[in-house]
Amino acid sequence: MNTTKLYILLFFGFLLSSNLFATSLHVRHGETKIINGDLTVNERDYITVDAGGILIVKGTVHLNGHVTMIPRHGRPSFNPIYTQIQNNGDIIIEKNVIIKNAIDYHAGSHASLSILGERVNAQGTDAGRHGNAHGINKIEGHPGTHNFVGPNLQMNGMAQEFFGGGGGYGGHTTAMTKNNIDQVPQHVKDLIFQHFPNSLAATNLPIELSSFNVIVDENAIVATWITAQEINTKSFTVEKSIDGKNYTVVEKDIEAAGNSDVELTYEITDMDHNSSSSVYYRLTEYDLDGKSESWIKEVHLENEVSSHVISVYPDPADSQFNVILNLIKGDKATYELVQAETGVMIPLENKEEYNNGKAEFNVSHLNEGIYILLVKINGKPAYNKELIIKH
C-alpha cells in the first residue's frame, strides 16, 4: 500500500493536512484539525477526539479495521481486536464513510458525529470456522449522543451497527432535513456552514449567521448582525435582559431577506440602556414556517466609562465650556475640575438646568492653566478629560 508523508501546519489553533493515512490521530481540546481530502485509518490505528476538539474531513473516511481469524489449533475461540474510534468532541465528514472489518466506535454524551455525504457502507470479514467457533469481524457502535447525517444518506445493515444498532439509523441519528433541523445543536450548524456551506445539510439550515456583535457607541448601544445566507427567513427580533432570563423587546418584526445567498448586514440602536449593569442582548430569527433560533451576546456597560459623555467643548475654554451628555431618566451627574499643578478640586455647578443633554459651566473666574474634568454618574466615576482654560 502506498502512503503519503504528512505535513501538519499549526496556525491559530488549526491543524491542516492533505490526504491522510493515519497511524494515530489525536485531536486535543481546543484544536481544530482539518483534513483536506480523504482520511484512511488502518488496522491497529486509532482516532481520538478529545472534548473541545474538532475534526473536519473534507473528503471520505475509510475505516479499515483489524481482521482476526479463528485459530485452527487448540481450543476454538474468537476474540477479535477492534480498531478504536473514540469521540468526545465534534467530527464532521463531508462525503462518505466506508467501513471494513472490526471497528469499535465510542462517543461521549457531549460529542457529535455529522456525515454529510450520501452513504455509509460497512462489511465484515468472516473469521473462519473451527469446531463450534465461528465469527465475523464487524462493526460495534456505542454512541452516547446523537449523530447527524445528510438528508439523502443511505446505509447498509451492518453500517447501522456503527450508530448503535437497531432499526433505521439505530435510534441515535437524525437526518438533517428541514423538519428535523431544530434538533441540530447550534455549534454543529455553525461548523457545517463554515466548512461546507454548499452541502445539502447546509441548505436545509435556515440561516448562516456570520457575526452578531453588540457594542457601546458613544451615547447608544448598537447591535449588528451579518448573515451570509438566508433561506425562508421572515423576521428578526432583538431583546435585552439584565439577568439573562427575563427579556424585554428592543425591536421586533425586523424584516428579513427571505432567501439570499449574499452577505447582508442588519443594525438596530438601543438608546435606553442601564449604565450600571451588564446587559444580555438576544437576537432571534423567525422562519416562514414558524421555526426560530436565537443567539445571545453580553455587553458590560460598566466598563464603558465614556459612554455617557459625548463631547466637551470648546477646548481651550475662555469663559464657558459645555458638556454633551447621554443620561437616562433618574441618572444624576456631578462635575469637578482638578487644577493639574496644585491638585486643588473645584466643584462645578451647571450654569442652567440640565437641558437636552447639555450642561454649561462658567469658568471666567478661574485662573488660566491645565485642569482635569471629572464627571460622576450616580456617584460613580464615569469620565475624565484634560481641559485648558485660557482667557
Protein backbone atom coordinates (compact mmCIF):
# COMPACT_ATOMS: atom_id res chain seq x y z
CA MET A 1 0.00 0.00 0.00
CA ASN A 2 1.34 3.46 -0.89
CA THR A 3 1.33 6.08 1.83
CA THR A 4 1.94 9.80 1.78
CA LYS A 5 4.10 11.83 4.13
CA LEU A 6 2.10 14.04 6.46
CA TYR A 7 2.98 17.69 6.91
CA ILE A 8 0.97 19.47 9.60
CA LEU A 9 0.66 23.25 9.88
CA LEU A 10 -0.31 24.69 13.28
CA PHE A 11 -1.95 28.06 12.70
CA PHE A 12 -4.20 29.82 15.22
CA GLY A 13 -5.35 26.51 16.69
CA PHE A 14 -5.96 24.88 13.32
CA LEU A 15 -4.16 21.73 12.22
CA LEU A 16 -4.17 21.40 8.45
CA SER A 17 -3.18 18.38 6.35
CA SER A 18 -3.84 16.78 2.97
CA ASN A 19 -4.99 13.19 2.32
CA LEU A 20 -4.02 11.25 5.40
CA PHE A 21 -3.24 7.62 6.16
CA ALA A 22 -3.39 7.75 9.95
CA THR A 23 -1.13 5.72 12.22
CA SER A 24 -2.68 7.58 15.12
CA LEU A 25 -4.81 10.69 15.02
CA HIS A 26 -5.36 12.60 18.25
CA VAL A 27 -7.24 15.92 18.28
CA ARG A 28 -6.84 17.62 21.64
CA HIS A 29 -9.00 20.12 23.49
CA GLY A 30 -9.06 23.47 21.71
CA GLU A 31 -7.65 22.09 18.44
CA THR A 32 -9.37 22.07 15.06
CA LYS A 33 -7.82 19.54 12.68
CA ILE A 34 -8.80 19.85 9.02
CA ILE A 35 -8.09 17.00 6.57
CA ASN A 36 -8.24 18.45 3.05
CA GLY A 37 -9.04 15.15 1.38
CA ASP A 38 -9.73 11.56 2.39
CA LEU A 39 -8.85 10.07 5.76
CA THR A 40 -7.82 6.40 5.93
CA VAL A 41 -7.46 4.52 9.21
CA ASN A 42 -5.94 1.04 9.05
CA GLU A 43 -5.98 -1.99 11.36
CA ARG A 44 -4.32 -1.12 14.70
CA ASP A 45 -4.51 2.63 14.12
CA TYR A 46 -6.94 4.78 16.08
CA ILE A 47 -8.72 8.13 16.11
CA THR A 48 -9.23 10.08 19.33
CA VAL A 49 -11.02 13.43 19.53
CA ASP A 50 -10.96 14.97 22.99
CA ALA A 51 -13.75 17.10 24.44
CA GLY A 52 -13.43 20.55 22.89
CA GLY A 53 -11.61 19.16 19.85
CA ILE A 54 -12.90 19.38 16.27
CA LEU A 55 -12.06 17.07 13.35
CA ILE A 56 -13.11 18.24 9.88
CA VAL A 57 -12.66 15.80 6.97
CA LYS A 58 -13.14 17.35 3.52
CA GLY A 59 -13.48 14.02 1.79
CA THR A 60 -14.35 10.39 2.51
CA VAL A 61 -13.34 8.43 5.61
CA HIS A 62 -12.09 4.86 5.08
CA LEU A 63 -12.03 2.74 8.24
CA ASN A 64 -10.13 -0.47 7.54
CA GLY A 65 -10.46 -2.34 10.81
CA HIS A 66 -8.44 -5.20 12.18
CA VAL A 67 -9.07 -8.76 10.96
CA THR A 68 -8.88 -11.60 13.50
CA MET A 69 -9.05 -15.21 12.32
CA ILE A 70 -10.18 -18.17 14.42
CA PRO A 71 -7.13 -20.32 15.22
CA ARG A 72 -7.03 -23.75 13.63
CA HIS A 73 -5.21 -25.32 16.55
CA GLY A 74 -6.12 -25.56 20.19
CA ARG A 75 -9.44 -24.61 21.71
CA PRO A 76 -11.79 -22.94 19.22
CA SER A 77 -12.33 -19.27 20.12
CA PHE A 78 -12.93 -15.88 18.56
CA ASN A 79 -11.67 -12.76 20.37
CA PRO A 80 -11.47 -10.03 17.74
CA ILE A 81 -9.22 -6.99 18.02
CA TYR A 82 -11.06 -3.78 17.20
CA THR A 83 -9.73 -0.60 15.62
CA GLN A 84 -10.73 2.12 18.10
CA ILE A 85 -12.56 5.35 17.25
CA GLN A 86 -13.07 7.48 20.39
CA ASN A 87 -15.02 10.73 20.03
CA ASN A 88 -15.68 13.22 22.82
CA GLY A 89 -15.66 16.29 20.59
CA ASP A 90 -17.08 17.09 17.15
CA ILE A 91 -16.39 15.20 13.91
CA ILE A 92 -17.79 16.41 10.58
CA ILE A 93 -17.25 14.38 7.39
CA GLU A 94 -18.04 15.98 4.04
CA LYS A 95 -18.56 12.85 1.96
CA ASN A 96 -18.98 9.16 2.74
CA VAL A 97 -17.82 6.62 5.30
CA ILE A 98 -16.56 3.22 4.11
CA ILE A 99 -16.04 0.65 6.88
CA LYS A 100 -14.43 -2.78 6.67
CA ASN A 101 -13.77 -5.38 9.34
CA ALA A 102 -13.64 -4.81 13.11
CA ILE A 103 -14.29 -1.20 14.13
CA ASP A 104 -15.33 -0.07 17.63
CA TYR A 105 -16.83 3.44 17.79
CA HIS A 106 -17.40 5.12 21.16
CA ALA A 107 -18.82 8.63 21.63
CA GLY A 108 -19.27 10.66 24.79
CA SER A 109 -22.50 12.31 25.90
CA HIS A 110 -21.48 15.73 24.56
CA ALA A 111 -19.91 14.53 21.31
CA SER A 112 -21.29 14.84 17.80
CA LEU A 113 -20.66 12.99 14.54
CA SER A 114 -22.00 14.54 11.33
CA ILE A 115 -21.79 12.77 7.96
CA LEU A 116 -22.88 14.99 5.07
CA GLY A 117 -22.42 12.53 2.20
CA GLU A 118 -24.79 10.00 0.66
CA ARG A 119 -23.70 6.64 2.02
CA VAL A 120 -22.19 4.69 4.88
CA ASN A 121 -21.16 1.23 3.72
CA ALA A 122 -19.83 -1.45 6.03
CA GLN A 123 -18.81 -5.03 5.53
CA GLY A 124 -17.31 -7.55 7.87
CA THR A 125 -14.85 -10.34 7.22
CA ASP A 126 -15.61 -13.94 8.09
CA ALA A 127 -13.20 -15.06 10.80
CA GLY A 128 -13.41 -18.68 9.69
CA ARG A 129 -14.69 -21.77 11.49
CA HIS A 130 -13.10 -24.24 13.90
CA GLY A 131 -15.35 -26.69 15.64
CA ASN A 132 -18.27 -24.77 17.05
CA ALA A 133 -16.47 -21.42 16.81
CA HIS A 134 -17.49 -19.05 14.06
CA GLY A 135 -17.37 -15.25 13.94
CA ILE A 136 -17.43 -12.11 11.84
CA ASN A 137 -15.04 -9.20 12.10
CA LYS A 138 -17.69 -6.50 12.23
CA ILE A 139 -18.62 -3.06 13.47
CA GLU A 140 -19.51 -2.20 17.05
CA GLY A 141 -21.07 1.15 17.89
CA HIS A 142 -21.52 2.70 21.34
CA PRO A 143 -22.50 6.30 20.72
CA GLY A 144 -23.56 8.21 23.82
CA THR A 145 -25.18 11.05 21.96
CA HIS A 146 -26.97 11.98 18.75
CA ASN A 147 -25.34 11.78 15.33
CA PHE A 148 -26.36 13.87 12.35
CA VAL A 149 -26.37 12.84 8.69
CA GLY A 150 -27.14 14.42 5.35
CA PRO A 151 -30.77 14.31 4.20
CA ASN A 152 -30.09 11.70 1.49
CA LEU A 153 -27.68 9.41 3.33
CA GLN A 154 -28.13 5.66 2.81
CA MET A 155 -26.50 2.85 4.78
CA ASN A 156 -26.47 -0.92 4.70
CA GLY A 157 -27.48 -3.16 7.58
CA MET A 158 -24.07 -3.60 9.15
CA ALA A 159 -23.39 0.14 8.91
CA GLN A 160 -26.30 0.73 11.28
CA GLU A 161 -24.28 -1.02 13.98
CA PHE A 162 -21.79 1.85 13.78
CA PHE A 163 -24.58 4.14 15.03
CA GLY A 164 -25.63 1.87 17.86
CA GLY A 165 -27.62 -0.82 16.07
CA GLY A 166 -31.38 -1.18 15.96
CA GLY A 167 -33.72 -0.13 13.20
CA GLY A 168 -33.44 2.91 10.97
CA TYR A 169 -30.39 4.90 11.99
CA GLY A 170 -30.08 2.96 15.22
CA GLY A 171 -32.16 5.38 17.25
CA HIS A 172 -29.16 7.68 17.75
CA THR A 173 -29.03 9.59 14.49
CA THR A 174 -31.04 12.42 12.95
CA ALA A 175 -31.20 13.25 9.25
CA MET A 176 -30.67 16.97 8.69
CA THR A 177 -33.92 17.70 6.88
CA LYS A 178 -35.93 20.89 7.18
CA ASN A 179 -38.31 19.17 9.61
CA ASN A 180 -35.51 17.99 11.91
CA ILE A 181 -33.15 20.95 11.79
CA ASP A 182 -34.16 22.18 15.26
CA GLN A 183 -32.54 19.02 16.69
CA VAL A 184 -29.09 20.04 15.43
CA PRO A 185 -27.05 21.95 18.05
CA GLN A 186 -26.12 25.49 17.08
CA HIS A 187 -22.37 24.87 17.23
CA VAL A 188 -22.76 21.96 14.78
CA LYS A 189 -24.77 24.18 12.42
CA ASP A 190 -22.03 26.82 12.64
CA LEU A 191 -19.32 24.28 11.76
CA ILE A 192 -21.30 22.98 8.78
CA PHE A 193 -21.89 26.50 7.46
CA GLN A 194 -18.26 27.44 7.99
CA HIS A 195 -16.68 24.45 6.27
CA PHE A 196 -19.39 23.04 3.97
CA PRO A 197 -21.78 25.90 3.05
CA ASN A 198 -22.85 24.22 -0.21
CA SER A 199 -23.74 20.84 1.26
CA LEU A 200 -27.34 19.62 1.23
CA ALA A 201 -27.33 19.71 5.01
CA ALA A 202 -26.33 23.38 4.98
CA THR A 203 -29.07 24.30 2.53
CA ASN A 204 -31.61 22.92 4.99
CA LEU A 205 -30.39 25.25 7.72
CA PRO A 206 -32.48 28.46 7.65
CA ILE A 207 -29.74 31.00 8.24
CA GLU A 208 -25.98 31.32 8.25
CA LEU A 209 -25.04 33.98 10.76
CA SER A 210 -21.55 35.32 10.10
CA SER A 211 -21.47 37.54 13.18
CA PHE A 212 -23.56 39.08 15.95
CA ASN A 213 -21.96 41.98 17.83
CA VAL A 214 -23.21 44.39 20.48
CA ILE A 215 -21.12 47.49 21.27
CA VAL A 216 -21.43 50.77 23.13
CA ASP A 217 -21.17 53.52 20.52
CA GLU A 218 -20.93 56.86 22.34
CA ASN A 219 -24.48 57.53 23.52
CA ALA A 220 -26.15 54.28 22.48
CA ILE A 221 -25.85 50.52 22.25
CA VAL A 222 -25.65 49.22 18.71
CA ALA A 223 -26.47 45.61 17.80
CA THR A 224 -25.18 44.47 14.41
CA TRP A 225 -25.52 41.08 12.75
CA ILE A 226 -24.42 39.77 9.37
CA THR A 227 -25.97 36.85 7.51
CA ALA A 228 -24.05 35.00 4.80
CA GLN A 229 -27.11 33.05 3.67
CA GLU A 230 -30.85 33.09 4.39
CA ILE A 231 -33.47 30.50 3.47
CA ASN A 232 -37.16 31.20 4.09
CA THR A 233 -36.37 33.79 6.75
CA LYS A 234 -39.24 36.02 7.87
CA SER A 235 -38.06 38.44 10.55
CA PHE A 236 -35.72 39.21 13.44
CA THR A 237 -36.40 40.33 17.00
CA VAL A 238 -33.85 41.89 19.36
CA GLU A 239 -34.47 41.69 23.12
CA LYS A 240 -32.45 42.59 26.22
CA SER A 241 -32.18 41.33 29.77
CA ILE A 242 -30.30 42.29 32.92
CA ASP A 243 -30.35 38.80 34.44
CA GLY A 244 -30.12 36.74 31.23
CA LYS A 245 -33.51 35.16 31.94
CA ASN A 246 -36.25 37.78 31.65
CA TYR A 247 -36.16 39.64 28.33
CA THR A 248 -37.91 42.76 27.07
CA VAL A 249 -38.24 43.69 23.41
CA VAL A 250 -35.90 46.32 21.98
CA GLU A 251 -37.18 45.98 18.44
CA LYS A 252 -39.29 43.30 16.75
CA ASP A 253 -40.57 42.35 13.30
CA ILE A 254 -37.32 43.46 11.64
CA GLU A 255 -37.85 42.33 8.06
CA ALA A 256 -35.51 39.58 6.85
CA ALA A 257 -34.49 38.89 3.26
CA GLY A 258 -36.48 35.67 2.86
CA ASN A 259 -33.95 33.98 0.60
CA SER A 260 -30.44 35.26 -0.01
CA ASP A 261 -27.00 33.85 -0.77
CA VAL A 262 -25.15 37.16 -0.42
CA GLU A 263 -23.87 38.83 2.73
CA LEU A 264 -26.46 41.10 4.38
CA THR A 265 -25.96 43.44 7.35
CA TYR A 266 -28.62 44.39 9.90
CA GLU A 267 -28.36 47.00 12.66
CA ILE A 268 -30.53 48.40 15.43
CA THR A 269 -29.79 51.07 18.06
CA ASP A 270 -30.87 50.95 21.70
CA MET A 271 -30.90 54.44 23.24
CA ASP A 272 -32.48 53.34 26.53
CA HIS A 273 -29.87 51.39 28.44
CA ASN A 274 -28.89 50.98 32.08
CA SER A 275 -25.42 52.35 32.68
CA SER A 276 -24.70 50.43 35.88
CA SER A 277 -25.08 46.82 34.79
CA SER A 278 -24.21 44.16 32.28
CA VAL A 279 -26.93 43.56 29.72
CA TYR A 280 -27.70 40.48 27.62
CA TYR A 281 -28.96 41.02 24.08
CA ARG A 282 -30.82 38.20 22.36
CA LEU A 283 -31.25 38.02 18.59
CA THR A 284 -33.99 35.69 17.35
CA GLU A 285 -34.61 34.74 13.72
CA TYR A 286 -38.05 33.51 12.67
CA ASP A 287 -38.69 31.33 9.60
CA LEU A 288 -41.72 31.48 7.34
CA ASP A 289 -42.71 28.06 8.71
CA GLY A 290 -42.76 29.32 12.30
CA LYS A 291 -39.43 27.91 13.48
CA SER A 292 -36.84 30.08 15.18
CA GLU A 293 -33.30 30.12 16.54
CA SER A 294 -31.55 32.56 18.86
CA TRP A 295 -28.12 33.96 19.67
CA ILE A 296 -27.13 35.86 22.83
CA LYS A 297 -24.41 38.45 23.46
CA GLU A 298 -23.45 40.10 26.75
CA VAL A 299 -22.19 43.69 26.94
CA HIS A 300 -20.55 45.12 30.08
CA LEU A 301 -21.79 48.69 30.24
CA GLU A 302 -20.00 49.50 33.46
CA ASN A 303 -16.69 49.14 31.64
CA GLU A 304 -17.65 51.68 29.01
CA VAL A 305 -16.60 54.66 31.16
CA SER A 306 -17.05 57.30 28.46
CA SER A 307 -20.42 56.16 27.16
CA HIS A 308 -22.28 58.97 28.98
CA VAL A 309 -20.15 61.89 27.81
CA ILE A 310 -20.33 62.56 24.11
CA SER A 311 -18.21 65.73 23.85
CA VAL A 312 -16.63 68.59 25.80
CA TYR A 313 -16.14 71.98 24.05
CA PRO A 314 -14.58 74.40 23.48
CA ASP A 315 -11.09 73.34 24.42
CA PRO A 316 -9.27 75.58 25.25
CA ALA A 317 -12.14 77.26 27.10
CA ASP A 318 -12.41 81.01 27.70
CA SER A 319 -15.32 81.96 29.95
CA GLN A 320 -17.50 78.89 29.47
CA PHE A 321 -17.37 75.27 28.39
CA ASN A 322 -20.11 72.75 27.63
CA VAL A 323 -20.57 69.02 28.19
CA ILE A 324 -22.89 67.00 25.96
CA LEU A 325 -24.30 64.05 27.89
CA ASN A 326 -26.30 60.90 27.37
CA LEU A 327 -28.33 60.25 30.52
CA ILE A 328 -31.43 58.20 31.13
CA LYS A 329 -34.27 59.11 33.46
CA GLY A 330 -33.11 59.05 37.08
CA ASP A 331 -29.38 59.47 36.36
CA LYS A 332 -27.61 62.26 38.29
CA ALA A 333 -24.36 63.81 37.08
CA THR A 334 -21.84 65.75 39.20
CA TYR A 335 -18.78 67.64 37.96
CA GLU A 336 -15.42 68.74 39.34
CA LEU A 337 -12.30 70.38 37.99
CA VAL A 338 -8.89 69.48 39.42
CA GLN A 339 -6.11 72.01 38.92
CA ALA A 340 -3.30 69.93 37.47
CA GLU A 341 -0.47 71.95 39.06
CA THR A 342 -1.81 72.13 42.64
CA GLY A 343 -4.32 69.26 42.85
CA VAL A 344 -7.00 71.60 44.17
CA MET A 345 -10.51 70.28 43.50
CA ILE A 346 -13.14 72.76 42.33
CA PRO A 347 -16.81 71.67 42.35
CA LEU A 348 -18.77 72.88 39.34
CA GLU A 349 -22.40 73.88 39.16
CA ASN A 350 -24.34 73.67 35.95
CA LYS A 351 -24.97 77.18 34.62
CA GLU A 352 -28.50 76.16 33.68
CA GLU A 353 -30.77 73.23 34.46
CA TYR A 354 -29.84 70.09 32.54
CA ASN A 355 -31.46 70.62 29.16
CA ASN A 356 -31.50 68.45 26.07
CA GLY A 357 -28.34 66.61 27.11
CA LYS A 358 -26.22 69.76 27.51
CA ALA A 359 -24.53 71.07 30.67
CA GLU A 360 -22.95 74.60 30.67
CA PHE A 361 -20.27 75.84 33.09
CA ASN A 362 -18.95 79.35 33.78
CA VAL A 363 -15.18 79.32 34.32
CA SER A 364 -14.44 83.01 33.76
CA HIS A 365 -13.39 83.33 37.42
CA LEU A 366 -10.79 80.55 37.28
CA ASN A 367 -7.10 81.10 36.66
CA GLU A 368 -5.64 80.10 33.33
CA GLY A 369 -3.99 76.71 33.25
CA ILE A 370 -4.49 72.98 32.81
CA TYR A 371 -7.36 71.29 34.61
CA ILE A 372 -8.78 67.77 34.76
CA LEU A 373 -12.55 67.50 34.30
CA LEU A 374 -14.09 64.70 36.40
CA VAL A 375 -17.65 63.52 35.77
CA LYS A 376 -19.51 61.14 38.05
CA ILE A 377 -22.81 59.43 37.20
CA ASN A 378 -24.87 58.38 40.19
CA GLY A 379 -21.79 58.82 42.37
CA LYS A 380 -19.54 56.58 40.24
CA PRO A 381 -16.60 57.88 38.16
CA ALA A 382 -17.68 57.91 34.53
CA TYR A 383 -15.40 60.28 32.61
CA ASN A 384 -12.21 62.35 32.85
CA LYS A 385 -10.56 64.72 30.41
CA GLU A 386 -7.77 67.27 30.37
CA LEU A 387 -9.16 70.78 29.78
CA ILE A 388 -7.23 74.01 29.16
CA ILE A 389 -8.64 77.32 30.40
CA LYS A 390 -7.22 80.32 28.58
CA HIS A 391 -8.83 83.78 28.89
